[in-house]
């Protein structure tokens, strides 16, 4: 089993940047990928220890909720190494 993986999907580049900044300032996590899934939707993927990923996603979620830009979020507590490999490809 690997580290935790968190994903947050937000509407708009400005909110994505602000939410990502807040996640990185809140906990010891690493952003390993950002995907623009639509002209205005961006999914940010982070990894780290479970407690750090949960705290970071909560912080990013708060930013996105405040601006009305939160679309979806989730945390996979112990991502299988193959899951990470597929995401990074």
PDB file of N, CA and C in Angstrom:
ATOM      1  N   UNK A   1       0.833  -1.181   0.000  1.00  0.00           N
ATOM      2  CA  UNK A   1       0.000   0.000   0.000  1.00  0.00           C
ATOM      3  C   UNK A   1       0.875   1.241   0.000  1.00  0.00           C
ATOM      4  N   UNK A   2       0.384   2.274  -0.668  1.00  0.00           N
ATOM      5  CA  UNK A   2       1.149   3.500  -0.790  1.00  0.00           C
ATOM      6  C   UNK A   2       0.663   4.572   0.147  1.00  0.00           C
ATOM      7  N   UNK A   3       1.014   5.784  -0.201  1.00  0.00           N
ATOM      8  CA  UNK A   3       0.594   6.944   0.575  1.00  0.00           C
ATOM      9  C   UNK A   3      -0.847   7.301   0.232  1.00  0.00           C
ATOM     10  N   UNK A   4      -1.385   8.237   0.978  1.00  0.00           N
ATOM     11  CA  UNK A   4      -2.724   8.730   0.691  1.00  0.00           C
ATOM     12  C   UNK A   4      -2.684   9.626  -0.543  1.00  0.00           C
ATOM     13  N   UNK A   5      -3.790   9.629  -1.269  1.00  0.00           N
ATOM     14  CA  UNK A   5      -3.956  10.501  -2.429  1.00  0.00           C
ATOM     15  C   UNK A   5      -5.225  11.303  -2.212  1.00  0.00           C
ATOM     16  N   UNK A   6      -5.146  12.594  -2.454  1.00  0.00           N
ATOM     17  CA  UNK A   6      -6.311  13.456  -2.370  1.00  0.00           C
ATOM     18  C   UNK A   6      -6.545  14.132  -3.700  1.00  0.00           C
ATOM     19  N   UNK A   7      -7.812  14.329  -4.036  1.00  0.00           N
ATOM     20  CA  UNK A   7      -8.173  15.002  -5.272  1.00  0.00           C
ATOM     21  C   UNK A   7      -9.229  16.048  -4.973  1.00  0.00           C
ATOM     22  N   UNK A   8      -9.071  17.205  -5.579  1.00  0.00           N
ATOM     23  CA  UNK A   8     -10.078  18.245  -5.458  1.00  0.00           C
ATOM     24  C   UNK A   8     -10.297  18.850  -6.838  1.00  0.00           C
ATOM     25  N   UNK A   9     -11.559  18.934  -7.234  1.00  0.00           N
ATOM     26  CA  UNK A   9     -11.907  19.503  -8.531  1.00  0.00           C
ATOM     27  C   UNK A   9     -12.585  20.841  -8.293  1.00  0.00           C
ATOM     28  N   UNK A  10     -12.056  21.865  -8.950  1.00  0.00           N
ATOM     29  CA  UNK A  10     -12.562  23.220  -8.747  1.00  0.00           C
ATOM     30  C   UNK A  10     -12.880  23.878 -10.083  1.00  0.00           C
ATOM     31  N   UNK A  11     -13.720  24.876  -9.999  1.00  0.00           N
ATOM     32  CA  UNK A  11     -14.138  25.641 -11.165  1.00  0.00           C
ATOM     33  C   UNK A  11     -13.337  26.933 -11.212  1.00  0.00           C
ATOM     34  N   UNK A  12     -12.542  27.101 -12.250  1.00  0.00           N
ATOM     35  CA  UNK A  12     -11.791  28.341 -12.426  1.00  0.00           C
ATOM     36  C   UNK A  12     -10.341  28.239 -11.994  1.00  0.00           C
ATOM     37  N   UNK A  13      -9.486  28.866 -12.774  1.00  0.00           N
ATOM     38  CA  UNK A  13      -8.047  28.833 -12.511  1.00  0.00           C
ATOM     39  C   UNK A  13      -7.696  29.587 -11.228  1.00  0.00           C
ATOM     40  N   UNK A  14      -8.296  30.743 -11.009  1.00  0.00           N
ATOM     41  CA  UNK A  14      -7.959  31.543  -9.823  1.00  0.00           C
ATOM     42  C   UNK A  14      -8.249  30.767  -8.538  1.00  0.00           C
ATOM     43  N   UNK A  15      -9.410  30.140  -8.470  1.00  0.00           N
ATOM     44  CA  UNK A  15      -9.747  29.353  -7.282  1.00  0.00           C
ATOM     45  C   UNK A  15      -8.832  28.148  -7.151  1.00  0.00           C
ATOM     46  N   UNK A  16      -8.486  27.524  -8.266  1.00  0.00           N
ATOM     47  CA  UNK A  16      -7.566  26.381  -8.232  1.00  0.00           C
ATOM     48  C   UNK A  16      -6.230  26.787  -7.631  1.00  0.00           C
ATOM     49  N   UNK A  17      -5.704  27.918  -8.067  1.00  0.00           N
ATOM     50  CA  UNK A  17      -4.420  28.399  -7.548  1.00  0.00           C
ATOM     51  C   UNK A  17      -4.529  28.704  -6.061  1.00  0.00           C
ATOM     52  N   UNK A  18      -5.590  29.383  -5.661  1.00  0.00           N
ATOM     53  CA  UNK A  18      -5.763  29.735  -4.248  1.00  0.00           C
ATOM     54  C   UNK A  18      -5.944  28.481  -3.382  1.00  0.00           C
ATOM     55  N   UNK A  19      -6.754  27.538  -3.849  1.00  0.00           N
ATOM     56  CA  UNK A  19      -6.980  26.308  -3.082  1.00  0.00           C
ATOM     57  C   UNK A  19      -5.698  25.480  -2.984  1.00  0.00           C
ATOM     58  N   UNK A  20      -4.949  25.400  -4.076  1.00  0.00           N
ATOM     59  CA  UNK A  20      -3.690  24.652  -4.071  1.00  0.00           C
ATOM     60  C   UNK A  20      -2.693  25.290  -3.116  1.00  0.00           C
ATOM     61  N   UNK A  21      -2.594  26.598  -3.153  1.00  0.00           N
ATOM     62  CA  UNK A  21      -1.692  27.311  -2.245  1.00  0.00           C
ATOM     63  C   UNK A  21      -2.062  27.037  -0.787  1.00  0.00           C
ATOM     64  N   UNK A  22      -3.352  27.075  -0.485  1.00  0.00           N
ATOM     65  CA  UNK A  22      -3.807  26.820   0.883  1.00  0.00           C
ATOM     66  C   UNK A  22      -3.501  25.383   1.306  1.00  0.00           C
ATOM     67  N   UNK A  23      -3.685  24.424   0.401  1.00  0.00           N
ATOM     68  CA  UNK A  23      -3.383  23.028   0.739  1.00  0.00           C
ATOM     69  C   UNK A  23      -1.906  22.857   1.069  1.00  0.00           C
ATOM     70  N   UNK A  24      -1.045  23.475   0.264  1.00  0.00           N
ATOM     71  CA  UNK A  24       0.399  23.344   0.478  1.00  0.00           C
ATOM     72  C   UNK A  24       0.859  24.044   1.755  1.00  0.00           C
ATOM     73  N   UNK A  25       0.193  25.128   2.123  1.00  0.00           N
ATOM     74  CA  UNK A  25       0.545  25.851   3.349  1.00  0.00           C
ATOM     75  C   UNK A  25       0.013  25.150   4.600  1.00  0.00           C
ATOM     76  N   UNK A  26      -1.040  24.368   4.442  1.00  0.00           N
ATOM     77  CA  UNK A  26      -1.701  23.731   5.578  1.00  0.00           C
ATOM     78  C   UNK A  26      -1.007  22.459   6.045  1.00  0.00           C
ATOM     79  N   UNK A  27      -0.498  21.679   5.114  1.00  0.00           N
ATOM     80  CA  UNK A  27       0.025  20.355   5.481  1.00  0.00           C
ATOM     81  C   UNK A  27       1.210  19.971   4.602  1.00  0.00           C
ATOM     82  N   UNK A  28       1.931  18.976   5.061  1.00  0.00           N
ATOM     83  CA  UNK A  28       3.102  18.473   4.343  1.00  0.00           C
ATOM     84  C   UNK A  28       2.643  17.506   3.252  1.00  0.00           C
ATOM     85  N   UNK A  29       2.200  18.086   2.133  1.00  0.00           N
ATOM     86  CA  UNK A  29       1.740  17.303   0.990  1.00  0.00           C
ATOM     87  C   UNK A  29       2.482  17.759  -0.257  1.00  0.00           C
ATOM     88  N   UNK A  30       2.379  16.954  -1.294  1.00  0.00           N
ATOM     89  CA  UNK A  30       3.009  17.261  -2.572  1.00  0.00           C
ATOM     90  C   UNK A  30       1.935  17.234  -3.652  1.00  0.00           C
ATOM     91  N   UNK A  31       1.898  18.277  -4.474  1.00  0.00           N
ATOM     92  CA  UNK A  31       1.029  18.266  -5.649  1.00  0.00           C
ATOM     93  C   UNK A  31       1.778  17.500  -6.724  1.00  0.00           C
ATOM     94  N   UNK A  32       1.193  16.404  -7.207  1.00  0.00           N
ATOM     95  CA  UNK A  32       1.905  15.645  -8.230  1.00  0.00           C
ATOM     96  C   UNK A  32       1.247  15.719  -9.589  1.00  0.00           C
ATOM     97  N   UNK A  33       0.076  16.328  -9.663  1.00  0.00           N
ATOM     98  CA  UNK A  33      -0.558  16.465 -10.971  1.00  0.00           C
ATOM     99  C   UNK A  33      -1.723  17.430 -10.885  1.00  0.00           C
ATOM    100  N   UNK A  34      -1.939  18.179 -11.970  1.00  0.00           N
ATOM    101  CA  UNK A  34      -3.143  18.981 -12.136  1.00  0.00           C
ATOM    102  C   UNK A  34      -3.638  18.741 -13.550  1.00  0.00           C
ATOM    103  N   UNK A  35      -4.915  18.425 -13.670  1.00  0.00           N
ATOM    104  CA  UNK A  35      -5.514  18.163 -14.978  1.00  0.00           C
ATOM    105  C   UNK A  35      -6.622  19.161 -15.243  1.00  0.00           C
ATOM    106  N   UNK A  36      -6.554  19.787 -16.387  1.00  0.00           N
ATOM    107  CA  UNK A  36      -7.652  20.637 -16.836  1.00  0.00           C
ATOM    108  C   UNK A  36      -8.623  19.711 -17.556  1.00  0.00           C
ATOM    109  N   UNK A  37      -9.756  19.424 -16.917  1.00  0.00           N
ATOM    110  CA  UNK A  37     -10.690  18.443 -17.456  1.00  0.00           C
ATOM    111  C   UNK A  37     -11.764  19.062 -18.331  1.00  0.00           C
ATOM    112  N   UNK A  38     -11.825  20.361 -18.351  1.00  0.00           N
ATOM    113  CA  UNK A  38     -12.836  21.116 -19.080  1.00  0.00           C
ATOM    114  C   UNK A  38     -12.254  22.518 -19.194  1.00  0.00           C
ATOM    115  N   UNK A  39     -12.785  23.375 -20.051  1.00  0.00           N
ATOM    116  CA  UNK A  39     -12.200  24.723 -20.115  1.00  0.00           C
ATOM    117  C   UNK A  39     -12.111  25.442 -18.760  1.00  0.00           C
ATOM    118  N   UNK A  40     -12.992  25.109 -17.826  1.00  0.00           N
ATOM    119  CA  UNK A  40     -12.964  25.801 -16.537  1.00  0.00           C
ATOM    120  C   UNK A  40     -12.769  24.875 -15.339  1.00  0.00           C
ATOM    121  N   UNK A  41     -12.685  23.571 -15.547  1.00  0.00           N
ATOM    122  CA  UNK A  41     -12.546  22.631 -14.436  1.00  0.00           C
ATOM    123  C   UNK A  41     -11.114  22.126 -14.334  1.00  0.00           C
ATOM    124  N   UNK A  42     -10.583  22.155 -13.113  1.00  0.00           N
ATOM    125  CA  UNK A  42      -9.229  21.663 -12.877  1.00  0.00           C
ATOM    126  C   UNK A  42      -9.267  20.692 -11.699  1.00  0.00           C
ATOM    127  N   UNK A  43      -8.642  19.532 -11.873  1.00  0.00           N
ATOM    128  CA  UNK A  43      -8.504  18.568 -10.788  1.00  0.00           C
ATOM    129  C   UNK A  43      -7.061  18.580 -10.316  1.00  0.00           C
ATOM    130  N   UNK A  44      -6.874  18.788  -9.019  1.00  0.00           N
ATOM    131  CA  UNK A  44      -5.547  18.812  -8.411  1.00  0.00           C
ATOM    132  C   UNK A  44      -5.380  17.549  -7.582  1.00  0.00           C
ATOM    133  N   UNK A  45      -4.262  16.854  -7.787  1.00  0.00           N
ATOM    134  CA  UNK A  45      -3.949  15.617  -7.081  1.00  0.00           C
ATOM    135  C   UNK A  45      -2.799  15.882  -6.117  1.00  0.00           C
ATOM    136  N   UNK A  46      -2.972  15.454  -4.866  1.00  0.00           N
ATOM    137  CA  UNK A  46      -1.913  15.595  -3.867  1.00  0.00           C
ATOM    138  C   UNK A  46      -1.632  14.244  -3.236  1.00  0.00           C
ATOM    139  N   UNK A  47      -0.470  14.125  -2.627  1.00  0.00           N
ATOM    140  CA  UNK A  47      -0.119  12.900  -1.922  1.00  0.00           C
ATOM    141  C   UNK A  47       0.653  13.243  -0.656  1.00  0.00           C
ATOM    142  N   UNK A  48       0.637  12.318   0.286  1.00  0.00           N
ATOM    143  CA  UNK A  48       1.325  12.492   1.558  1.00  0.00           C
ATOM    144  C   UNK A  48       0.754  11.516   2.571  1.00  0.00           C
ATOM    145  N   UNK A  49       1.061  11.727   3.834  1.00  0.00           N
ATOM    146  CA  UNK A  49       0.479  10.908   4.896  1.00  0.00           C
ATOM    147  C   UNK A  49      -1.019  11.181   4.977  1.00  0.00           C
ATOM    148  N   UNK A  50      -1.766  10.203   5.452  1.00  0.00           N
ATOM    149  CA  UNK A  50      -3.226  10.316   5.486  1.00  0.00           C
ATOM    150  C   UNK A  50      -3.685  11.587   6.190  1.00  0.00           C
ATOM    151  N   UNK A  51      -3.184  11.842   7.388  1.00  0.00           N
ATOM    152  CA  UNK A  51      -3.644  13.016   8.145  1.00  0.00           C
ATOM    153  C   UNK A  51      -3.307  14.311   7.419  1.00  0.00           C
ATOM    154  N   UNK A  52      -2.162  14.363   6.764  1.00  0.00           N
ATOM    155  CA  UNK A  52      -1.769  15.566   6.026  1.00  0.00           C
ATOM    156  C   UNK A  52      -2.663  15.773   4.811  1.00  0.00           C
ATOM    157  N   UNK A  53      -2.952  14.705   4.092  1.00  0.00           N
ATOM    158  CA  UNK A  53      -3.805  14.816   2.905  1.00  0.00           C
ATOM    159  C   UNK A  53      -5.221  15.227   3.303  1.00  0.00           C
ATOM    160  N   UNK A  54      -5.747  14.639   4.363  1.00  0.00           N
ATOM    161  CA  UNK A  54      -7.090  15.010   4.832  1.00  0.00           C
ATOM    162  C   UNK A  54      -7.125  16.488   5.218  1.00  0.00           C
ATOM    163  N   UNK A  55      -6.137  16.949   5.976  1.00  0.00           N
ATOM    164  CA  UNK A  55      -6.088  18.358   6.390  1.00  0.00           C
ATOM    165  C   UNK A  55      -5.967  19.280   5.183  1.00  0.00           C
ATOM    166  N   UNK A  56      -5.132  18.909   4.229  1.00  0.00           N
ATOM    167  CA  UNK A  56      -4.939  19.740   3.040  1.00  0.00           C
ATOM    168  C   UNK A  56      -6.209  19.815   2.200  1.00  0.00           C
ATOM    169  N   UNK A  57      -6.866  18.686   1.998  1.00  0.00           N
ATOM    170  CA  UNK A  57      -8.107  18.682   1.214  1.00  0.00           C
ATOM    171  C   UNK A  57      -9.174  19.518   1.914  1.00  0.00           C
ATOM    172  N   UNK A  58      -9.277  19.404   3.230  1.00  0.00           N
ATOM    173  CA  UNK A  58     -10.244  20.224   3.974  1.00  0.00           C
ATOM    174  C   UNK A  58      -9.957  21.715   3.780  1.00  0.00           C
ATOM    175  N   UNK A  59      -8.686  22.092   3.806  1.00  0.00           N
ATOM    176  CA  UNK A  59      -8.308  23.494   3.618  1.00  0.00           C
ATOM    177  C   UNK A  59      -8.633  23.965   2.205  1.00  0.00           C
ATOM    178  N   UNK A  60      -8.290  23.167   1.217  1.00  0.00           N
ATOM    179  CA  UNK A  60      -8.596  23.524  -0.168  1.00  0.00           C
ATOM    180  C   UNK A  60     -10.090  23.572  -0.419  1.00  0.00           C
ATOM    181  N   UNK A  61     -10.800  22.638   0.182  1.00  0.00           N
ATOM    182  CA  UNK A  61     -12.259  22.589   0.072  1.00  0.00           C
ATOM    183  C   UNK A  61     -12.883  23.867   0.634  1.00  0.00           C
ATOM    184  N   UNK A  62     -12.353  24.340   1.755  1.00  0.00           N
ATOM    185  CA  UNK A  62     -12.866  25.572   2.353  1.00  0.00           C
ATOM    186  C   UNK A  62     -12.732  26.764   1.425  1.00  0.00           C
ATOM    187  N   UNK A  63     -11.595  26.871   0.763  1.00  0.00           N
ATOM    188  CA  UNK A  63     -11.380  27.959  -0.203  1.00  0.00           C
ATOM    189  C   UNK A  63     -12.390  27.851  -1.341  1.00  0.00           C
ATOM    190  N   UNK A  64     -12.513  26.659  -1.899  1.00  0.00           N
ATOM    191  CA  UNK A  64     -13.397  26.469  -3.046  1.00  0.00           C
ATOM    192  C   UNK A  64     -14.869  26.655  -2.677  1.00  0.00           C
ATOM    193  N   UNK A  65     -15.264  26.223  -1.497  1.00  0.00           N
ATOM    194  CA  UNK A  65     -16.652  26.424  -1.052  1.00  0.00           C
ATOM    195  C   UNK A  65     -16.955  27.900  -0.869  1.00  0.00           C
ATOM    196  N   UNK A  66     -15.993  28.641  -0.327  1.00  0.00           N
ATOM    197  CA  UNK A  66     -16.190  30.073  -0.099  1.00  0.00           C
ATOM    198  C   UNK A  66     -16.480  30.814  -1.406  1.00  0.00           C
ATOM    199  N   UNK A  67     -15.860  30.378  -2.487  1.00  0.00           N
ATOM    200  CA  UNK A  67     -16.050  31.044  -3.775  1.00  0.00           C
ATOM    201  C   UNK A  67     -17.116  30.368  -4.633  1.00  0.00           C
ATOM    202  N   UNK A  68     -17.708  29.300  -4.126  1.00  0.00           N
ATOM    203  CA  UNK A  68     -18.735  28.586  -4.881  1.00  0.00           C
ATOM    204  C   UNK A  68     -18.168  27.752  -6.023  1.00  0.00           C
ATOM    205  N   UNK A  69     -16.891  27.402  -5.941  1.00  0.00           N
ATOM    206  CA  UNK A  69     -16.222  26.716  -7.049  1.00  0.00           C
ATOM    207  C   UNK A  69     -15.906  25.249  -6.776  1.00  0.00           C
ATOM    208  N   UNK A  70     -16.356  24.705  -5.654  1.00  0.00           N
ATOM    209  CA  UNK A  70     -16.073  23.302  -5.347  1.00  0.00           C
ATOM    210  C   UNK A  70     -16.973  22.400  -6.184  1.00  0.00           C
ATOM    211  N   UNK A  71     -16.361  21.498  -6.928  1.00  0.00           N
ATOM    212  CA  UNK A  71     -17.114  20.538  -7.730  1.00  0.00           C
ATOM    213  C   UNK A  71     -17.113  19.173  -7.053  1.00  0.00           C
ATOM    214  N   UNK A  72     -15.940  18.679  -6.684  1.00  0.00           N
ATOM    215  CA  UNK A  72     -15.831  17.360  -6.058  1.00  0.00           C
ATOM    216  C   UNK A  72     -14.505  17.252  -5.321  1.00  0.00           C
ATOM    217  N   UNK A  73     -14.446  16.298  -4.396  1.00  0.00           N
ATOM    218  CA  UNK A  73     -13.196  16.020  -3.682  1.00  0.00           C
ATOM    219  C   UNK A  73     -13.260  14.605  -3.131  1.00  0.00           C
ATOM    220  N   UNK A  74     -12.104  14.022  -2.897  1.00  0.00           N
ATOM    221  CA  UNK A  74     -12.038  12.708  -2.265  1.00  0.00           C
ATOM    222  C   UNK A  74     -10.633  12.465  -1.739  1.00  0.00           C
ATOM    223  N   UNK A  75     -10.536  11.544  -0.799  1.00  0.00           N
ATOM    224  CA  UNK A  75      -9.245  11.104  -0.270  1.00  0.00           C
ATOM    225  C   UNK A  75      -9.221   9.581  -0.322  1.00  0.00           C
ATOM    226  N   UNK A  76      -8.156   9.036  -0.894  1.00  0.00           N
ATOM    227  CA  UNK A  76      -7.919   7.591  -0.869  1.00  0.00           C
ATOM    228  C   UNK A  76      -6.847   7.372   0.194  1.00  0.00           C
ATOM    229  N   UNK A  77      -7.202   6.806   1.351  1.00  0.00           N
ATOM    230  CA  UNK A  77      -6.273   6.737   2.484  1.00  0.00           C
ATOM    231  C   UNK A  77      -4.975   5.974   2.231  1.00  0.00           C
ATOM    232  N   UNK A  78      -5.028   4.890   1.504  1.00  0.00           N
ATOM    233  CA  UNK A  78      -3.816   4.103   1.249  1.00  0.00           C
ATOM    234  C   UNK A  78      -3.867   3.634  -0.198  1.00  0.00           C
ATOM    235  N   UNK A  79      -3.532   4.537  -1.090  1.00  0.00           N
ATOM    236  CA  UNK A  79      -3.630   4.231  -2.518  1.00  0.00           C
ATOM    237  C   UNK A  79      -2.658   3.122  -2.902  1.00  0.00           C
ATOM    238  N   UNK A  80      -3.129   2.209  -3.699  1.00  0.00           N
ATOM    239  CA  UNK A  80      -2.269   1.159  -4.232  1.00  0.00           C
ATOM    240  C   UNK A  80      -1.223   1.807  -5.141  1.00  0.00           C
ATOM    241  N   UNK A  81      -0.034   1.267  -5.152  1.00  0.00           N
ATOM    242  CA  UNK A  81       1.034   1.823  -5.981  1.00  0.00           C
ATOM    243  C   UNK A  81       0.632   1.899  -7.447  1.00  0.00           C
ATOM    244  N   UNK A  82      -0.158   0.951  -7.916  1.00  0.00           N
ATOM    245  CA  UNK A  82      -0.606   0.972  -9.309  1.00  0.00           C
ATOM    246  C   UNK A  82      -1.514   2.163  -9.583  1.00  0.00           C
ATOM    247  N   UNK A  83      -2.294   2.561  -8.597  1.00  0.00           N
ATOM    248  CA  UNK A  83      -3.153   3.735  -8.759  1.00  0.00           C
ATOM    249  C   UNK A  83      -2.302   4.963  -9.008  1.00  0.00           C
ATOM    250  N   UNK A  84      -1.278   5.151  -8.190  1.00  0.00           N
ATOM    251  CA  UNK A  84      -0.376   6.289  -8.381  1.00  0.00           C
ATOM    252  C   UNK A  84       0.339   6.212  -9.721  1.00  0.00           C
ATOM    253  N   UNK A  85       0.795   5.028 -10.094  1.00  0.00           N
ATOM    254  CA  UNK A  85       1.480   4.867 -11.373  1.00  0.00           C
ATOM    255  C   UNK A  85       0.587   5.288 -12.530  1.00  0.00           C
ATOM    256  N   UNK A  86      -0.669   4.920 -12.482  1.00  0.00           N
ATOM    257  CA  UNK A  86      -1.614   5.269 -13.552  1.00  0.00           C
ATOM    258  C   UNK A  86      -1.892   6.766 -13.585  1.00  0.00           C
ATOM    259  N   UNK A  87      -1.997   7.363 -12.435  1.00  0.00           N
ATOM    260  CA  UNK A  87      -2.259   8.803 -12.385  1.00  0.00           C
ATOM    261  C   UNK A  87      -1.084   9.605 -12.916  1.00  0.00           C
ATOM    262  N   UNK A  88       0.119   9.142 -12.652  1.00  0.00           N
ATOM    263  CA  UNK A  88       1.320   9.886 -13.036  1.00  0.00           C
ATOM    264  C   UNK A  88       1.648   9.723 -14.515  1.00  0.00           C
ATOM    265  N   UNK A  89       1.192   8.652 -15.155  1.00  0.00           N
ATOM    266  CA  UNK A  89       1.512   8.419 -16.574  1.00  0.00           C
ATOM    267  C   UNK A  89       1.105   9.567 -17.449  1.00  0.00           C
TER     268      UNK A  89
END
